[in-house]
Amino acid sequence: MTKQIFSFDITLFTIMLMLISIGIIALYSAGYNKPEYSELYLKQFLWFGIGLIIMLFIFSINVTTINAYSTLLYFIVLAMLAMTLIFGKTVRGTKGWIVIGPINFQFSELAKITTILALARYLEYHFKELDKFKDLIMPFVIVLMPVCLILLQPDLGSTFTFFPILIVMLFLAGAEIKNIIYLVVIGSISIGIPFVLSYYEFKGELTNNFWLNTLLSSSFLTYFILLMLIIWSTLKLIYKFYPKYVILNKVCVIILILVISLVFSFTLLHSLKPYQKKRLLVFVDPGIDPYGTGYNIVQSKITIGSGKLFGKGFLKGSQTQLGFLPEQSTDFIVSVIGEEFGWIGMSTILFLYFLFIFQGLKITYTAKDVYSSLVAGGITTMFAFGTFINIGMTLGIMPVTGVPVPFLSYGGSSLLTSMIATALLINIKSQRFI
């Protein structure tokens, strides 16, 4: 136990405290001239206190015990996501919050942790046994179940980090690289088709194109997918009797990837709301809708750019204090830091995130067992992509998705999830010495 205490990752814990402190300071500034937001920093501080208590509890639990309850926790959170769809509170068109007394909690954030735990438990039992593409079906289903429930809210942004987590954890579990590439291709096509079609729809070229509308009709797609499945089945049968024709198996893989990609892409396309489609387009060209969907990105870039090298000073950011910057306590909290503390402030938080992720990678590769390594890798990926998506969004190099930046953005659900994830990382490192 003494060795466990002395192996406590003080670096990781200190970085977390520094980022949370910076976030609370930025929240104070964001709500300084706005009475309705003036107490957000106090609420965030309260969530921080609750998070510390939960972290102490996690420190006292053995990783083996966490492993044993991983699947149960996963299904509990799935049940809560389903309940959210029925009894949840709707905020800005998203039914994503469960109200428990004075507390609004977003289980889509916690689902990231429980999915990592459940996926790690499954992959531990199949470590180095993921040679075939069909071996990836179950891990994919484990991730897909919470993703589908979150999309039904609808909350596209919260699903963004799930698939990078899946890819990294499959890699750590020893899956064949070619099979991982197949998943990446499926994901790229599934996102790419709705992106391209949304662009043509916005430009007015989709409704006027007879052939394109025919190809995209539900009846044509259904018949096309059925035809592809018939061809796939036929080729599979031929390959069974003539295994020397390896090319047949490769064609089957291509057909299967195409079918899966089409199913997911058009499911995603029909689940996207008009404002979500516009967000995808604004990512490419904010000028398409500068006073509507593109306004957020335009103002964020102006805000960060106006900070220059050293910033305008604490509480002196005109874009922030005059209310030009939208969602400045949540999605664009980094822009507040960029305006008031300039390039120096932005570089500081980027450096802190880099150190945090680096520590996470070290824990991943020095963990005492496969399960711990997989959990640490999934959590590190969650932090890395969450940070990249949010900061990229504020700089205009990623679409506006509503993904909070870990530790900085206002929100009890996000902060607690980040602190729980940090506690798990520290716990994994400490228990190397048990």
Protein backbone atom coordinates (compact mmCIF):
# COMPACT_ATOMS: atom_id res chain seq x y z
CA MET A 1 0.00 0.00 0.00
CA THR A 2 2.91 2.34 0.76
CA LYS A 3 4.34 1.79 -2.71
CA GLN A 4 0.90 2.51 -4.19
CA ILE A 5 0.71 5.84 -2.34
CA PHE A 6 4.21 6.88 -3.43
CA SER A 7 3.43 5.89 -7.04
CA PHE A 8 0.47 8.30 -7.10
CA ASP A 9 0.77 10.30 -10.34
CA ILE A 10 1.14 13.78 -8.88
CA THR A 11 1.99 15.16 -12.35
CA LEU A 12 -1.33 14.07 -13.85
CA PHE A 13 -3.26 15.29 -10.81
CA THR A 14 -1.49 18.67 -10.84
CA ILE A 15 -2.16 19.20 -14.56
CA MET A 16 -5.83 18.43 -13.94
CA LEU A 17 -5.97 20.98 -11.10
CA MET A 18 -4.27 23.63 -13.25
CA LEU A 19 -6.69 23.14 -16.16
CA ILE A 20 -9.74 23.21 -13.88
CA SER A 21 -8.43 26.38 -12.20
CA ILE A 22 -7.91 28.05 -15.59
CA GLY A 23 -11.41 26.98 -16.59
CA ILE A 24 -13.01 28.48 -13.45
CA ILE A 25 -11.12 31.76 -14.00
CA ALA A 26 -12.30 31.85 -17.64
CA LEU A 27 -15.89 31.11 -16.53
CA TYR A 28 -15.74 34.02 -14.10
CA SER A 29 -14.69 36.28 -16.97
CA ALA A 30 -17.31 34.84 -19.36
CA GLY A 31 -20.11 35.66 -16.91
CA TYR A 32 -18.69 38.90 -15.50
CA ASN A 33 -21.10 41.27 -17.30
CA LYS A 34 -23.94 38.78 -17.64
CA PRO A 35 -26.11 38.30 -14.52
CA GLU A 36 -27.63 35.04 -15.83
CA TYR A 37 -24.16 33.48 -16.12
CA SER A 38 -22.41 35.21 -13.22
CA GLU A 39 -22.62 32.19 -10.90
CA LEU A 40 -21.44 29.53 -13.34
CA TYR A 41 -17.91 29.57 -11.95
CA LEU A 42 -19.28 28.89 -8.45
CA LYS A 43 -21.35 25.96 -9.74
CA GLN A 44 -18.30 24.63 -11.56
CA PHE A 45 -16.32 24.88 -8.31
CA LEU A 46 -19.07 22.90 -6.55
CA TRP A 47 -18.90 20.19 -9.23
CA PHE A 48 -15.15 20.15 -8.77
CA GLY A 49 -15.62 19.44 -5.05
CA ILE A 50 -18.02 16.59 -5.83
CA GLY A 51 -15.53 15.28 -8.38
CA LEU A 52 -12.74 15.16 -5.78
CA ILE A 53 -14.91 13.01 -3.49
CA ILE A 54 -15.66 10.61 -6.37
CA MET A 55 -11.96 10.48 -7.25
CA LEU A 56 -11.08 9.47 -3.67
CA PHE A 57 -13.64 6.67 -3.92
CA ILE A 58 -12.15 5.44 -7.21
CA PHE A 59 -8.64 5.50 -5.72
CA SER A 60 -9.82 3.06 -3.05
CA ILE A 61 -11.09 0.49 -5.59
CA ASN A 62 -8.88 -2.20 -7.06
CA VAL A 63 -8.71 -2.30 -10.87
CA THR A 64 -9.75 -5.96 -10.72
CA THR A 65 -13.00 -4.93 -9.02
CA ILE A 66 -13.62 -2.28 -11.68
CA ASN A 67 -13.06 -4.95 -14.33
CA ALA A 68 -15.62 -7.26 -12.69
CA TYR A 69 -18.34 -4.57 -12.72
CA SER A 70 -17.51 -3.09 -16.15
CA THR A 71 -20.34 -4.81 -18.03
CA LEU A 72 -22.90 -4.00 -15.33
CA LEU A 73 -21.93 -0.31 -15.34
CA TYR A 74 -22.17 -0.29 -19.13
CA PHE A 75 -25.75 -1.60 -19.14
CA ILE A 76 -26.80 0.71 -16.29
CA VAL A 77 -25.69 3.74 -18.30
CA LEU A 78 -27.37 2.33 -21.44
CA ALA A 79 -30.59 2.09 -19.41
CA MET A 80 -30.14 5.70 -18.27
CA LEU A 81 -29.62 6.81 -21.89
CA ALA A 82 -32.87 5.06 -22.82
CA MET A 83 -34.65 6.74 -19.89
CA THR A 84 -33.28 10.08 -21.05
CA LEU A 85 -35.13 9.64 -24.35
CA ILE A 86 -38.38 9.20 -22.42
CA PHE A 87 -38.07 11.43 -19.34
CA GLY A 88 -35.16 13.68 -20.28
CA LYS A 89 -35.05 17.46 -20.31
CA THR A 90 -34.81 19.11 -23.72
CA VAL A 91 -32.28 21.92 -24.12
CA ARG A 92 -31.81 23.56 -27.55
CA GLY A 93 -33.48 20.70 -29.36
CA THR A 94 -31.50 17.95 -27.63
CA LYS A 95 -33.22 15.68 -25.11
CA GLY A 96 -30.02 14.78 -23.31
CA TRP A 97 -30.39 15.63 -19.62
CA ILE A 98 -31.89 13.71 -16.71
CA VAL A 99 -33.15 16.01 -13.96
CA ILE A 100 -32.40 14.73 -10.43
CA GLY A 101 -33.63 17.39 -8.01
CA PRO A 102 -31.57 20.53 -8.67
CA ILE A 103 -29.09 18.57 -10.78
CA ASN A 104 -29.16 18.17 -14.57
CA PHE A 105 -26.94 15.27 -15.61
CA GLN A 106 -25.92 14.27 -19.14
CA PHE A 107 -25.34 10.51 -19.26
CA SER A 108 -23.91 10.70 -22.78
CA GLU A 109 -20.71 11.98 -21.15
CA LEU A 110 -20.54 9.14 -18.62
CA ALA A 111 -21.28 6.64 -21.42
CA LYS A 112 -17.80 7.29 -22.82
CA ILE A 113 -16.23 5.90 -19.63
CA THR A 114 -18.53 2.88 -19.26
CA THR A 115 -18.12 2.01 -22.95
CA ILE A 116 -14.33 2.06 -22.54
CA LEU A 117 -14.60 -0.22 -19.48
CA ALA A 118 -16.95 -2.71 -21.18
CA LEU A 119 -14.94 -2.71 -24.41
CA ALA A 120 -11.71 -3.28 -22.48
CA ARG A 121 -13.25 -6.24 -20.65
CA TYR A 122 -14.37 -7.84 -23.93
CA LEU A 123 -11.07 -7.20 -25.71
CA GLU A 124 -9.10 -8.59 -22.76
CA TYR A 125 -10.79 -11.97 -23.26
CA HIS A 126 -10.09 -11.84 -27.01
CA PHE A 127 -6.60 -10.33 -26.83
CA LYS A 128 -4.57 -11.18 -29.96
CA GLU A 129 -7.58 -13.13 -31.33
CA LEU A 130 -8.98 -10.46 -33.65
CA ASP A 131 -7.61 -11.78 -36.93
CA LYS A 132 -10.77 -11.67 -39.04
CA PHE A 133 -13.08 -8.82 -39.89
CA LYS A 134 -16.01 -10.65 -38.29
CA ASP A 135 -14.08 -10.61 -34.99
CA LEU A 136 -14.61 -6.84 -34.89
CA ILE A 137 -18.40 -7.09 -35.02
CA MET A 138 -18.92 -7.45 -31.27
CA PRO A 139 -16.56 -4.57 -30.30
CA PHE A 140 -18.33 -2.46 -32.91
CA VAL A 141 -21.74 -3.34 -31.43
CA ILE A 142 -20.53 -2.43 -27.92
CA VAL A 143 -19.70 1.06 -29.20
CA LEU A 144 -22.70 1.34 -31.52
CA MET A 145 -25.34 0.78 -28.80
CA PRO A 146 -24.64 3.98 -26.80
CA VAL A 147 -23.93 5.89 -30.03
CA CYS A 148 -27.39 5.06 -31.41
CA LEU A 149 -29.12 6.09 -28.17
CA ILE A 150 -27.19 9.37 -28.12
CA LEU A 151 -27.99 10.06 -31.79
CA LEU A 152 -31.69 9.64 -31.00
CA GLN A 153 -31.54 12.57 -28.53
CA PRO A 154 -30.27 13.90 -31.10
CA ASP A 155 -26.68 14.74 -30.07
CA LEU A 156 -24.22 14.26 -32.92
CA GLY A 157 -21.31 15.96 -31.16
CA SER A 158 -21.15 13.59 -28.19
CA THR A 159 -20.68 10.59 -30.51
CA PHE A 160 -17.55 11.98 -32.17
CA THR A 161 -15.02 10.48 -29.75
CA PHE A 162 -16.52 6.97 -29.57
CA PHE A 163 -15.10 5.67 -32.85
CA PRO A 164 -11.53 6.95 -32.37
CA ILE A 165 -11.66 5.20 -28.99
CA LEU A 166 -12.76 1.97 -30.71
CA ILE A 167 -9.99 2.17 -33.32
CA VAL A 168 -7.21 2.79 -30.77
CA MET A 169 -8.42 0.09 -28.37
CA LEU A 170 -8.66 -2.45 -31.22
CA PHE A 171 -5.09 -1.59 -32.17
CA LEU A 172 -3.92 -2.09 -28.58
CA ALA A 173 -5.81 -5.41 -28.44
CA GLY A 174 -3.82 -6.73 -31.39
CA ALA A 175 -6.44 -6.51 -34.15
CA GLU A 176 -5.19 -6.94 -37.72
CA ILE A 177 -4.23 -3.56 -39.17
CA LYS A 178 -6.11 -4.28 -42.41
CA ASN A 179 -9.32 -4.88 -40.46
CA ILE A 180 -8.86 -1.62 -38.57
CA ILE A 181 -8.36 0.11 -41.93
CA TYR A 182 -11.65 -1.43 -43.12
CA LEU A 183 -13.41 0.16 -40.12
CA VAL A 184 -11.78 3.53 -40.87
CA VAL A 185 -12.94 3.29 -44.50
CA ILE A 186 -16.49 2.46 -43.39
CA GLY A 187 -16.46 5.43 -41.00
CA SER A 188 -15.06 7.78 -43.64
CA ILE A 189 -17.65 6.80 -46.24
CA SER A 190 -20.45 6.91 -43.66
CA ILE A 191 -19.56 10.51 -42.80
CA GLY A 192 -18.41 11.56 -46.28
CA ILE A 193 -21.64 10.78 -48.16
CA PRO A 194 -23.91 12.85 -45.83
CA PHE A 195 -21.33 15.65 -46.01
CA VAL A 196 -21.30 15.77 -49.82
CA LEU A 197 -25.07 15.39 -50.15
CA SER A 198 -25.68 18.12 -47.57
CA TYR A 199 -23.46 20.42 -49.62
CA TYR A 200 -25.42 19.78 -52.83
CA GLU A 201 -28.69 20.13 -50.94
CA PHE A 202 -27.63 23.50 -49.54
CA LYS A 203 -26.56 24.67 -52.99
CA GLY A 204 -29.96 23.66 -54.40
CA GLU A 205 -28.39 21.17 -56.83
CA LEU A 206 -29.83 18.07 -55.15
CA THR A 207 -33.55 18.68 -55.70
CA ASN A 208 -33.04 19.61 -59.36
CA ASN A 209 -31.00 16.54 -60.30
CA PHE A 210 -33.31 13.72 -61.46
CA TRP A 211 -30.65 11.00 -61.65
CA LEU A 212 -29.13 11.86 -58.27
CA ASN A 213 -32.56 11.84 -56.64
CA THR A 214 -33.32 8.48 -58.25
CA LEU A 215 -30.07 6.98 -56.97
CA LEU A 216 -30.78 8.32 -53.48
CA SER A 217 -34.38 7.13 -53.32
CA SER A 218 -35.17 4.61 -50.59
CA SER A 219 -36.53 2.04 -53.04
CA PHE A 220 -33.45 2.13 -55.28
CA LEU A 221 -31.09 1.89 -52.32
CA THR A 222 -33.02 -1.04 -50.87
CA TYR A 223 -32.87 -2.97 -54.16
CA PHE A 224 -29.20 -2.06 -54.66
CA ILE A 225 -28.22 -3.27 -51.16
CA LEU A 226 -30.21 -6.51 -51.67
CA LEU A 227 -28.47 -7.05 -55.01
CA MET A 228 -25.05 -6.51 -53.40
CA LEU A 229 -25.90 -9.01 -50.66
CA ILE A 230 -26.98 -11.60 -53.25
CA ILE A 231 -23.72 -11.11 -55.15
CA TRP A 232 -21.78 -11.33 -51.89
CA SER A 233 -23.52 -14.59 -50.92
CA THR A 234 -22.92 -16.09 -54.36
CA LEU A 235 -19.22 -15.23 -54.37
CA LYS A 236 -18.84 -16.57 -50.83
CA LEU A 237 -20.40 -19.87 -51.92
CA ILE A 238 -18.11 -20.13 -54.95
CA TYR A 239 -15.07 -19.29 -52.79
CA LYS A 240 -16.02 -22.07 -50.36
CA PHE A 241 -15.68 -24.67 -53.13
CA TYR A 242 -12.78 -22.95 -54.92
CA PRO A 243 -10.61 -21.41 -52.14
CA LYS A 244 -7.67 -20.98 -54.50
CA TYR A 245 -9.47 -17.96 -56.06
CA VAL A 246 -8.47 -15.55 -53.29
CA ILE A 247 -9.64 -12.61 -55.38
CA LEU A 248 -13.24 -13.70 -54.75
CA ASN A 249 -12.80 -13.25 -51.01
CA LYS A 250 -11.31 -9.79 -51.53
CA VAL A 251 -14.26 -8.78 -53.72
CA CYS A 252 -16.60 -10.03 -50.97
CA VAL A 253 -14.85 -7.81 -48.44
CA ILE A 254 -15.20 -4.77 -50.72
CA ILE A 255 -18.91 -5.48 -51.28
CA LEU A 256 -19.50 -5.91 -47.53
CA ILE A 257 -17.71 -2.63 -46.75
CA LEU A 258 -19.80 -0.85 -49.40
CA VAL A 259 -23.08 -2.24 -48.05
CA ILE A 260 -22.27 -1.42 -44.42
CA SER A 261 -21.09 2.08 -45.39
CA LEU A 262 -24.26 2.79 -47.38
CA VAL A 263 -26.51 1.63 -44.55
CA PHE A 264 -24.72 3.79 -41.98
CA SER A 265 -24.30 6.84 -44.22
CA PHE A 266 -27.97 7.09 -45.17
CA THR A 267 -29.07 6.34 -41.62
CA LEU A 268 -26.87 9.21 -40.50
CA LEU A 269 -28.10 11.46 -43.33
CA HIS A 270 -31.76 11.00 -42.37
CA SER A 271 -31.01 11.45 -38.65
CA LEU A 272 -29.20 14.76 -39.14
CA LYS A 273 -31.22 17.86 -38.36
CA PRO A 274 -31.02 20.81 -40.79
CA TYR A 275 -28.88 22.84 -38.37
CA GLN A 276 -26.44 19.91 -38.04
CA LYS A 277 -26.10 19.68 -41.82
CA LYS A 278 -25.35 23.39 -41.95
CA ARG A 279 -22.67 22.99 -39.29
CA LEU A 280 -20.88 20.46 -41.51
CA LEU A 281 -20.93 22.90 -44.44
CA VAL A 282 -19.89 25.90 -42.38
CA PHE A 283 -16.80 23.92 -41.36
CA VAL A 284 -15.64 24.12 -45.00
CA ASP A 285 -16.82 27.67 -45.65
CA PRO A 286 -18.06 29.83 -42.74
CA GLY A 287 -18.98 32.46 -45.33
CA ILE A 288 -21.84 30.26 -46.55
CA ASP A 289 -23.96 31.40 -43.60
CA PRO A 290 -21.99 34.12 -41.74
CA TYR A 291 -24.98 35.48 -39.79
CA GLY A 292 -26.49 32.08 -39.01
CA THR A 293 -24.66 28.81 -38.45
CA GLY A 294 -21.30 30.29 -39.47
CA TYR A 295 -21.57 33.11 -36.93
CA ASN A 296 -20.06 31.06 -34.10
CA ILE A 297 -16.89 30.14 -36.00
CA VAL A 298 -16.45 33.65 -37.40
CA GLN A 299 -16.76 35.27 -33.96
CA SER A 300 -14.52 32.66 -32.34
CA LYS A 301 -11.72 33.30 -34.83
CA ILE A 302 -12.09 37.06 -34.39
CA THR A 303 -12.00 36.65 -30.61
CA ILE A 304 -8.87 34.49 -30.57
CA GLY A 305 -7.12 36.64 -33.19
CA SER A 306 -7.80 39.85 -31.28
CA GLY A 307 -5.84 38.47 -28.30
CA LYS A 308 -2.59 38.56 -30.31
CA LEU A 309 0.55 37.59 -28.34
CA PHE A 310 -0.16 38.55 -24.72
CA GLY A 311 -3.95 39.05 -24.80
CA LYS A 312 -6.08 42.02 -23.79
CA GLY A 313 -5.93 41.19 -20.09
CA PHE A 314 -8.26 39.54 -17.60
CA LEU A 315 -11.85 40.87 -17.89
CA LYS A 316 -10.76 43.16 -20.76
CA GLY A 317 -11.77 41.05 -23.74
CA SER A 318 -14.22 43.13 -25.78
CA GLN A 319 -15.63 40.19 -27.76
CA THR A 320 -16.26 38.31 -24.52
CA GLN A 321 -17.48 41.13 -22.30
CA LEU A 322 -19.74 42.69 -24.94
CA GLY A 323 -21.35 39.35 -25.74
CA PHE A 324 -20.27 38.96 -29.36
CA LEU A 325 -18.80 35.51 -28.67
CA PRO A 326 -21.59 32.88 -28.44
CA GLU A 327 -21.56 29.91 -26.02
CA GLN A 328 -18.53 31.43 -24.30
CA SER A 329 -18.92 29.41 -21.11
CA THR A 330 -19.18 26.01 -22.84
CA ASP A 331 -18.21 25.36 -26.47
CA PHE A 332 -16.01 28.45 -26.88
CA ILE A 333 -14.42 28.84 -23.45
CA VAL A 334 -10.99 28.43 -25.12
CA SER A 335 -11.75 31.52 -27.23
CA VAL A 336 -12.20 33.52 -24.00
CA ILE A 337 -8.73 32.42 -22.89
CA GLY A 338 -7.30 33.26 -26.31
CA GLU A 339 -8.68 36.80 -26.24
CA GLU A 340 -7.72 37.69 -22.67
CA PHE A 341 -4.38 35.84 -22.44
CA GLY A 342 -3.38 35.73 -26.10
CA TRP A 343 -1.06 33.28 -27.80
CA ILE A 344 0.76 32.77 -24.50
CA GLY A 345 -2.45 31.63 -22.79
CA MET A 346 -3.45 29.33 -25.67
CA SER A 347 0.04 27.82 -25.81
CA THR A 348 -0.06 27.20 -22.07
CA ILE A 349 -3.27 25.18 -22.14
CA LEU A 350 -2.12 23.28 -25.25
CA PHE A 351 1.12 22.40 -23.46
CA LEU A 352 -0.81 21.22 -20.39
CA TYR A 353 -3.03 19.01 -22.55
CA PHE A 354 0.05 17.66 -24.31
CA LEU A 355 1.63 16.74 -20.96
CA PHE A 356 -1.62 15.17 -19.78
CA ILE A 357 -1.98 13.01 -22.91
CA PHE A 358 1.72 12.09 -22.79
CA GLN A 359 1.29 10.88 -19.20
CA GLY A 360 -1.76 8.91 -20.31
CA LEU A 361 0.28 7.21 -23.04
CA LYS A 362 3.02 6.31 -20.54
CA ILE A 363 0.43 4.72 -18.25
CA THR A 364 -1.06 2.83 -21.21
CA TYR A 365 2.24 1.20 -22.11
CA THR A 366 3.38 0.49 -18.52
CA ALA A 367 0.10 -0.86 -17.10
CA LYS A 368 0.39 -4.15 -15.24
CA ASP A 369 -2.20 -6.07 -17.30
CA VAL A 370 -4.07 -6.03 -20.61
CA TYR A 371 -7.34 -4.69 -19.17
CA SER A 372 -5.62 -1.75 -17.46
CA SER A 373 -3.67 -0.93 -20.61
CA LEU A 374 -6.81 -0.96 -22.75
CA VAL A 375 -8.72 1.25 -20.30
CA ALA A 376 -5.83 3.72 -20.10
CA GLY A 377 -5.54 3.78 -23.90
CA GLY A 378 -9.26 4.40 -24.34
CA ILE A 379 -9.30 7.20 -21.77
CA THR A 380 -6.22 8.86 -23.25
CA THR A 381 -7.84 8.74 -26.69
CA MET A 382 -11.04 10.24 -25.24
CA PHE A 383 -9.07 13.20 -23.86
CA ALA A 384 -6.93 13.61 -26.99
CA PHE A 385 -9.81 13.69 -29.48
CA GLY A 386 -12.12 15.70 -27.22
CA THR A 387 -9.43 18.35 -26.90
CA PHE A 388 -8.59 18.28 -30.61
CA ILE A 389 -12.23 18.56 -31.70
CA ASN A 390 -13.08 21.45 -29.36
CA ILE A 391 -9.94 23.54 -29.87
CA GLY A 392 -10.04 22.78 -33.60
CA MET A 393 -13.65 23.98 -33.58
CA THR A 394 -12.72 27.31 -31.97
CA LEU A 395 -9.97 27.81 -34.58
CA GLY A 396 -12.28 26.93 -37.47
CA ILE A 397 -10.44 23.75 -38.51
CA MET A 398 -13.18 21.43 -37.17
CA PRO A 399 -16.99 21.66 -37.46
CA VAL A 400 -19.02 23.08 -34.57
CA THR A 401 -20.21 19.96 -32.77
CA GLY A 402 -20.90 21.10 -29.21
CA VAL A 403 -18.12 18.88 -27.80
CA PRO A 404 -16.88 20.36 -24.47
CA VAL A 405 -13.15 20.74 -23.90
CA PRO A 406 -12.08 18.56 -20.91
CA PHE A 407 -11.79 20.41 -17.56
CA LEU A 408 -12.34 23.90 -19.04
CA SER A 409 -15.92 23.97 -20.37
CA TYR A 410 -18.79 24.60 -17.97
CA GLY A 411 -20.86 21.53 -17.17
CA GLY A 412 -21.02 19.13 -14.25
CA SER A 413 -21.43 16.05 -16.46
CA SER A 414 -18.35 16.86 -18.51
CA LEU A 415 -16.21 17.82 -15.52
CA LEU A 416 -17.18 14.76 -13.46
CA THR A 417 -16.52 12.46 -16.43
CA SER A 418 -13.09 14.01 -16.97
CA MET A 419 -12.22 13.71 -13.27
CA ILE A 420 -13.45 10.10 -13.11
CA ALA A 421 -11.33 9.29 -16.17
CA THR A 422 -8.30 10.95 -14.55
CA ALA A 423 -8.85 8.99 -11.35
CA LEU A 424 -8.92 5.75 -13.35
CA LEU A 425 -5.62 6.65 -15.03
CA ILE A 426 -3.97 7.45 -11.70
CA ASN A 427 -5.43 4.29 -10.17
CA ILE A 428 -4.05 2.14 -13.01
CA LYS A 429 -0.58 3.59 -12.56
CA SER A 430 -0.65 3.21 -8.78
CA GLN A 431 -1.79 -0.40 -8.83
CA ARG A 432 1.21 -1.47 -10.90
CA PHE A 433 2.95 -1.79 -7.55
CA ILE A 434 0.35 -3.89 -5.72
